[in-house]
Protein backbone atom coordinates (compact mmCIF):
# COMPACT_ATOMS: atom_id res chain seq x y z
CA UNK A 1 -14.43 -12.62 44.13
CA UNK A 2 -12.47 -14.64 41.67
CA UNK A 3 -10.57 -17.89 42.99
CA UNK A 4 -6.73 -17.46 42.56
CA UNK A 5 -6.30 -21.43 42.39
CA UNK A 6 -8.39 -21.27 38.86
CA UNK A 7 -6.79 -19.91 36.13
CA UNK A 8 -8.28 -19.10 32.65
CA UNK A 9 -6.14 -19.42 29.69
CA UNK A 10 -6.91 -17.78 26.47
CA UNK A 11 -5.03 -17.37 23.06
CA UNK A 12 -3.79 -14.06 22.23
CA UNK A 13 -6.30 -13.42 19.58
CA UNK A 14 -9.10 -14.02 22.20
CA UNK A 15 -7.63 -11.80 24.61
CA UNK A 16 -7.32 -8.84 22.45
CA UNK A 17 -10.71 -9.42 21.23
CA UNK A 18 -9.83 -8.61 17.61
CA UNK A 19 -7.57 -8.79 14.69
CA UNK A 20 -4.41 -7.08 13.94
CA UNK A 21 -4.33 -6.22 10.36
CA UNK A 22 -1.00 -4.34 10.18
CA UNK A 23 -1.92 -1.07 8.78
CA UNK A 24 0.24 0.88 11.23
CA UNK A 25 3.39 -0.27 9.32
CA UNK A 26 2.02 1.51 6.04
CA UNK A 27 0.91 4.58 7.74
CA UNK A 28 4.37 4.81 9.54
CA UNK A 29 6.18 4.31 6.09
CA UNK A 30 4.09 6.69 4.31
CA UNK A 31 4.36 9.14 7.08
CA UNK A 32 8.28 8.80 7.16
CA UNK A 33 8.62 9.36 3.30
CA UNK A 34 6.26 12.48 3.67
CA UNK A 35 8.51 14.01 6.46
CA UNK A 36 11.64 13.43 4.35
CA UNK A 37 10.23 15.08 1.14
CA UNK A 38 8.87 18.13 3.28
CA UNK A 39 12.22 18.27 5.01
CA UNK A 40 14.26 17.98 1.67
CA UNK A 41 11.76 20.81 0.11
CA UNK A 42 12.46 23.07 2.77
CA UNK A 43 16.23 22.51 2.81
CA UNK A 44 16.73 23.06 -0.87
CA UNK A 45 14.06 26.03 -1.01
């Protein structure tokens, strides 16, 4: 069982065990533009 008096401190990168490349913001932007284009097409048709 772990001892509560001993704390382990790690950096954020070590805690998540990987890198965060930031691809999500590009996917979100492209999806938003696509939805706006489709809605505009439907509205104007």
